[in-house]
C-alpha cells in the first residue's frame, strides 16, 4: 500500500483518518501512512470555486487510478459505486463509506 501526502493549495479540506477529523487549510499538509483507512473532501472551495490539492504518493502507481477516473469523467461517464470498485480493485483501494465523489 502507498503512503499519501496531501498538500492543500486552495480551499479548505476535511480528512477523517484513524478516528480523527482533520481540517486542512491552504498551505497545510496531511500525511496518511499506507494502509490507513481515510477520506478527504473539500468543504470550502477556494477563490476559483474549487478545492485544489497536490497529492504525493509513494511508492508510485496509485495515480493510475485517478488518471482512469478522470478520463472517464471527462468523457461524461457516470461512475457509480460498482464502477469505482472495479477501477479501484487493481490498485488495492477499497471504499468503506459513502459513494466517492470526483
N, C-alpha and C. Protein backbone atom coordinates (compact mmCIF):
# COMPACT_ATOMS: atom_id res chain seq x y z
N UNK A 1 0.83 -1.19 0.00
CA UNK A 1 0.00 0.00 0.00
C UNK A 1 0.87 1.25 0.00
N UNK A 2 0.29 2.34 -0.46
CA UNK A 2 1.06 3.56 -0.67
C UNK A 2 0.80 4.59 0.43
N UNK A 3 1.85 5.31 0.80
CA UNK A 3 1.71 6.48 1.65
C UNK A 3 1.17 7.62 0.79
N UNK A 4 0.34 8.48 1.38
CA UNK A 4 -0.18 9.63 0.65
C UNK A 4 0.07 10.90 1.47
N UNK A 5 0.59 11.92 0.81
CA UNK A 5 0.78 13.23 1.43
C UNK A 5 -0.04 14.23 0.64
N UNK A 6 -0.97 14.90 1.32
CA UNK A 6 -1.84 15.89 0.70
C UNK A 6 -1.33 17.28 1.05
N UNK A 7 -1.09 18.09 0.04
CA UNK A 7 -0.68 19.48 0.23
C UNK A 7 -1.84 20.34 -0.29
N UNK A 8 -2.45 21.10 0.59
CA UNK A 8 -3.63 21.87 0.22
C UNK A 8 -3.19 23.20 -0.40
N UNK A 9 -3.64 23.43 -1.63
CA UNK A 9 -3.27 24.63 -2.37
C UNK A 9 -4.37 25.69 -2.33
N UNK A 10 -5.62 25.26 -2.48
CA UNK A 10 -6.76 26.18 -2.46
C UNK A 10 -7.93 25.50 -1.79
N UNK A 11 -8.69 26.26 -1.04
CA UNK A 11 -9.86 25.73 -0.37
C UNK A 11 -9.51 25.12 0.98
N UNK A 12 -10.54 24.67 1.66
CA UNK A 12 -10.40 24.01 2.95
C UNK A 12 -10.85 22.57 2.79
N UNK A 13 -10.07 21.65 3.32
CA UNK A 13 -10.38 20.22 3.21
C UNK A 13 -10.59 19.64 4.59
N UNK A 14 -11.40 18.59 4.63
CA UNK A 14 -11.62 17.84 5.86
C UNK A 14 -11.22 16.39 5.58
N UNK A 15 -10.40 15.84 6.45
CA UNK A 15 -9.97 14.46 6.32
C UNK A 15 -10.36 13.70 7.58
N UNK A 16 -10.78 12.47 7.40
CA UNK A 16 -11.04 11.57 8.52
C UNK A 16 -10.05 10.43 8.39
N UNK A 17 -9.29 10.21 9.46
CA UNK A 17 -8.26 9.18 9.48
C UNK A 17 -8.03 8.74 10.91
N UNK A 18 -7.93 7.44 11.12
CA UNK A 18 -7.68 6.91 12.47
C UNK A 18 -8.67 7.45 13.50
N UNK A 19 -9.92 7.64 13.09
CA UNK A 19 -10.94 8.11 14.01
C UNK A 19 -10.91 9.59 14.29
N UNK A 20 -9.94 10.31 13.75
CA UNK A 20 -9.84 11.75 13.98
C UNK A 20 -10.29 12.53 12.76
N UNK A 21 -10.78 13.73 13.01
CA UNK A 21 -11.17 14.64 11.93
C UNK A 21 -10.14 15.75 11.88
N UNK A 22 -9.59 15.98 10.68
CA UNK A 22 -8.55 16.99 10.49
C UNK A 22 -9.04 18.02 9.48
N UNK A 23 -8.96 19.29 9.83
CA UNK A 23 -9.30 20.37 8.91
C UNK A 23 -7.99 20.94 8.40
N UNK A 24 -7.84 20.98 7.08
CA UNK A 24 -6.59 21.43 6.48
C UNK A 24 -6.86 22.64 5.61
N UNK A 25 -6.20 23.73 5.91
CA UNK A 25 -6.33 24.99 5.19
C UNK A 25 -5.23 25.09 4.12
N UNK A 26 -5.34 26.07 3.21
CA UNK A 26 -4.28 26.25 2.21
C UNK A 26 -2.90 26.38 2.87
N UNK A 27 -1.94 25.66 2.31
CA UNK A 27 -0.60 25.61 2.87
C UNK A 27 -0.41 24.47 3.84
N UNK A 28 -1.51 23.85 4.27
CA UNK A 28 -1.43 22.74 5.20
C UNK A 28 -1.06 21.44 4.51
N UNK A 29 -0.54 20.52 5.30
CA UNK A 29 -0.09 19.23 4.79
C UNK A 29 -0.66 18.13 5.69
N UNK A 30 -1.10 17.04 5.07
CA UNK A 30 -1.59 15.88 5.81
C UNK A 30 -0.90 14.64 5.26
N UNK A 31 -0.32 13.85 6.16
CA UNK A 31 0.33 12.59 5.77
C UNK A 31 -0.54 11.43 6.23
N UNK A 32 -0.83 10.50 5.31
CA UNK A 32 -1.59 9.30 5.62
C UNK A 32 -0.70 8.10 5.31
N UNK A 33 -0.31 7.32 6.34
CA UNK A 33 0.51 6.13 6.08
C UNK A 33 -0.26 5.11 5.25
N UNK A 34 0.45 4.37 4.42
CA UNK A 34 -0.16 3.33 3.60
C UNK A 34 -0.97 2.36 4.45
N UNK A 35 -2.11 1.96 3.93
CA UNK A 35 -2.96 1.00 4.62
C UNK A 35 -3.89 1.60 5.65
N UNK A 36 -3.85 2.92 5.83
CA UNK A 36 -4.71 3.59 6.80
C UNK A 36 -6.02 3.99 6.13
N UNK A 37 -7.16 3.48 6.61
CA UNK A 37 -8.44 3.93 6.04
C UNK A 37 -8.59 5.44 6.25
N UNK A 38 -9.02 6.12 5.20
CA UNK A 38 -9.18 7.57 5.29
C UNK A 38 -10.11 8.09 4.21
N UNK A 39 -10.56 9.30 4.40
CA UNK A 39 -11.31 10.02 3.39
C UNK A 39 -10.91 11.49 3.47
N UNK A 40 -10.99 12.16 2.35
CA UNK A 40 -10.68 13.60 2.32
C UNK A 40 -11.63 14.25 1.33
N UNK A 41 -12.13 15.42 1.71
CA UNK A 41 -13.05 16.13 0.82
C UNK A 41 -12.90 17.62 1.02
N UNK A 42 -13.22 18.36 -0.03
CA UNK A 42 -13.19 19.82 0.04
C UNK A 42 -14.49 20.29 0.69
N UNK A 43 -14.36 21.05 1.76
CA UNK A 43 -15.54 21.56 2.47
C UNK A 43 -15.80 23.03 2.17
N UNK A 44 -14.78 23.74 1.68
CA UNK A 44 -14.94 25.16 1.34
C UNK A 44 -14.04 25.45 0.14
N UNK A 45 -14.65 25.70 -1.03
CA UNK A 45 -13.84 25.97 -2.22
C UNK A 45 -12.97 27.20 -2.05
N UNK A 46 -11.91 27.23 -2.83
CA UNK A 46 -11.01 28.38 -2.85
C UNK A 46 -11.57 29.50 -3.70
N UNK A 47 -10.77 30.53 -3.98
CA UNK A 47 -11.25 31.71 -4.70
C UNK A 47 -11.71 31.42 -6.14
N UNK A 48 -11.26 30.32 -6.72
CA UNK A 48 -11.69 29.98 -8.08
C UNK A 48 -12.88 29.04 -8.09
N UNK A 49 -13.48 28.81 -6.90
CA UNK A 49 -14.67 27.98 -6.81
C UNK A 49 -14.41 26.49 -6.70
N UNK A 50 -13.16 26.10 -6.52
CA UNK A 50 -12.81 24.68 -6.39
C UNK A 50 -11.77 24.52 -5.28
N UNK A 51 -11.64 23.30 -4.81
CA UNK A 51 -10.54 22.96 -3.93
C UNK A 51 -9.43 22.38 -4.77
N UNK A 52 -8.19 22.66 -4.39
CA UNK A 52 -7.06 22.17 -5.17
C UNK A 52 -6.00 21.62 -4.22
N UNK A 53 -5.55 20.42 -4.51
CA UNK A 53 -4.55 19.78 -3.68
C UNK A 53 -3.53 19.06 -4.55
N UNK A 54 -2.31 18.99 -4.07
CA UNK A 54 -1.30 18.15 -4.68
C UNK A 54 -1.17 16.92 -3.80
N UNK A 55 -1.13 15.76 -4.42
CA UNK A 55 -1.00 14.52 -3.65
C UNK A 55 0.30 13.85 -4.06
N UNK A 56 1.13 13.54 -3.07
CA UNK A 56 2.36 12.80 -3.31
C UNK A 56 2.10 11.37 -2.86
N UNK A 57 2.30 10.43 -3.77
CA UNK A 57 2.03 9.02 -3.50
C UNK A 57 3.33 8.24 -3.61
N UNK A 58 3.64 7.47 -2.57
CA UNK A 58 4.87 6.69 -2.58
C UNK A 58 4.61 5.31 -1.97
N UNK A 59 4.99 4.25 -2.65
CA UNK A 59 5.60 4.26 -3.97
C UNK A 59 4.58 4.61 -5.06
N UNK A 60 5.09 4.96 -6.21
CA UNK A 60 4.25 5.36 -7.34
C UNK A 60 3.36 4.22 -7.79
N UNK A 61 2.30 4.57 -8.50
CA UNK A 61 1.41 3.58 -9.08
C UNK A 61 -0.06 3.90 -8.84
N UNK A 62 -0.38 4.37 -7.66
CA UNK A 62 -1.76 4.67 -7.30
C UNK A 62 -2.35 5.79 -8.16
N UNK A 63 -1.50 6.65 -8.68
CA UNK A 63 -2.00 7.76 -9.51
C UNK A 63 -2.72 7.25 -10.75
N UNK A 64 -2.44 6.03 -11.18
CA UNK A 64 -3.14 5.44 -12.32
C UNK A 64 -4.64 5.37 -12.10
N UNK A 65 -5.05 5.10 -10.87
CA UNK A 65 -6.48 5.06 -10.54
C UNK A 65 -7.11 6.42 -10.81
N UNK A 66 -6.48 7.48 -10.33
CA UNK A 66 -7.03 8.82 -10.51
C UNK A 66 -7.04 9.22 -11.99
N UNK A 67 -6.03 8.79 -12.74
CA UNK A 67 -6.00 9.06 -14.18
C UNK A 67 -7.18 8.37 -14.87
N UNK A 68 -7.46 7.13 -14.49
CA UNK A 68 -8.58 6.40 -15.09
C UNK A 68 -9.92 7.05 -14.76
N UNK A 69 -10.09 7.44 -13.50
CA UNK A 69 -11.34 8.09 -13.09
C UNK A 69 -11.53 9.40 -13.84
N UNK A 70 -10.49 10.20 -13.93
CA UNK A 70 -10.60 11.49 -14.62
C UNK A 70 -10.89 11.31 -16.11
N UNK A 71 -10.29 10.33 -16.74
CA UNK A 71 -10.55 10.09 -18.17
C UNK A 71 -12.02 9.74 -18.39
N UNK A 72 -12.59 8.90 -17.55
CA UNK A 72 -13.99 8.54 -17.69
C UNK A 72 -14.90 9.72 -17.40
N UNK A 73 -14.56 10.47 -16.36
CA UNK A 73 -15.35 11.65 -16.00
C UNK A 73 -15.33 12.67 -17.14
N UNK A 74 -14.15 12.90 -17.72
CA UNK A 74 -14.02 13.86 -18.83
C UNK A 74 -14.82 13.41 -20.05
N UNK A 75 -15.00 12.10 -20.19
CA UNK A 75 -15.78 11.56 -21.30
C UNK A 75 -17.29 11.58 -21.00
N UNK A 76 -17.66 12.11 -19.83
CA UNK A 76 -19.06 12.25 -19.48
C UNK A 76 -19.70 11.00 -18.92
N UNK A 77 -18.90 10.02 -18.52
CA UNK A 77 -19.46 8.78 -17.99
C UNK A 77 -19.74 8.91 -16.49
N UNK A 78 -20.91 8.43 -16.08
CA UNK A 78 -21.27 8.42 -14.66
C UNK A 78 -20.55 7.25 -13.99
N UNK A 79 -19.95 7.52 -12.86
CA UNK A 79 -19.22 6.48 -12.15
C UNK A 79 -20.00 6.08 -10.89
N UNK A 80 -20.73 4.99 -10.98
CA UNK A 80 -21.49 4.50 -9.83
C UNK A 80 -20.55 3.71 -8.91
N UNK A 81 -21.02 3.34 -7.71
CA UNK A 81 -20.15 2.65 -6.76
C UNK A 81 -19.53 1.35 -7.31
N UNK A 82 -20.29 0.62 -8.10
CA UNK A 82 -19.75 -0.63 -8.66
C UNK A 82 -18.60 -0.35 -9.63
N UNK A 83 -18.75 0.70 -10.42
CA UNK A 83 -17.70 1.06 -11.38
C UNK A 83 -16.45 1.53 -10.63
N UNK A 84 -16.64 2.31 -9.57
CA UNK A 84 -15.50 2.73 -8.75
C UNK A 84 -14.78 1.51 -8.19
N UNK A 85 -15.55 0.57 -7.67
CA UNK A 85 -14.94 -0.64 -7.07
C UNK A 85 -14.14 -1.42 -8.10
N UNK A 86 -14.66 -1.52 -9.32
CA UNK A 86 -13.96 -2.24 -10.39
C UNK A 86 -12.66 -1.53 -10.75
N UNK A 87 -12.71 -0.21 -10.87
CA UNK A 87 -11.50 0.56 -11.19
C UNK A 87 -10.47 0.51 -10.06
N UNK A 88 -10.96 0.51 -8.83
CA UNK A 88 -10.08 0.60 -7.67
C UNK A 88 -9.38 -0.71 -7.32
N UNK A 89 -10.03 -1.83 -7.59
CA UNK A 89 -9.51 -3.13 -7.15
C UNK A 89 -8.06 -3.40 -7.57
N UNK A 90 -7.66 -3.13 -8.81
CA UNK A 90 -6.26 -3.41 -9.19
C UNK A 90 -5.24 -2.57 -8.42
N UNK A 91 -5.69 -1.48 -7.81
CA UNK A 91 -4.80 -0.59 -7.07
C UNK A 91 -4.83 -0.86 -5.56
N UNK A 92 -5.63 -1.84 -5.15
CA UNK A 92 -5.74 -2.16 -3.73
C UNK A 92 -6.57 -1.17 -2.95
N UNK A 93 -7.42 -0.41 -3.64
CA UNK A 93 -8.27 0.58 -2.99
C UNK A 93 -9.62 -0.06 -2.68
N UNK A 94 -10.11 0.17 -1.48
CA UNK A 94 -11.42 -0.30 -1.07
C UNK A 94 -12.19 0.87 -0.50
N UNK A 95 -13.40 1.10 -0.98
CA UNK A 95 -14.24 2.19 -0.48
C UNK A 95 -15.06 1.67 0.68
N UNK A 96 -14.96 2.33 1.82
CA UNK A 96 -15.58 1.86 3.04
C UNK A 96 -16.81 2.66 3.45
N UNK A 97 -17.01 3.83 2.90
CA UNK A 97 -18.10 4.69 3.34
C UNK A 97 -19.03 5.02 2.20
N UNK A 98 -19.44 6.29 2.21
CA UNK A 98 -20.38 6.75 1.20
C UNK A 98 -19.72 6.75 -0.18
N UNK A 99 -20.56 6.87 -1.19
CA UNK A 99 -20.11 6.85 -2.58
C UNK A 99 -19.07 7.94 -2.82
N UNK A 100 -17.93 7.58 -3.44
CA UNK A 100 -16.91 8.58 -3.75
C UNK A 100 -17.45 9.64 -4.72
N UNK A 101 -16.94 10.86 -4.57
CA UNK A 101 -17.32 11.95 -5.46
C UNK A 101 -16.05 12.55 -6.03
N UNK A 102 -15.99 12.61 -7.36
CA UNK A 102 -14.83 13.22 -8.02
C UNK A 102 -15.31 14.30 -8.94
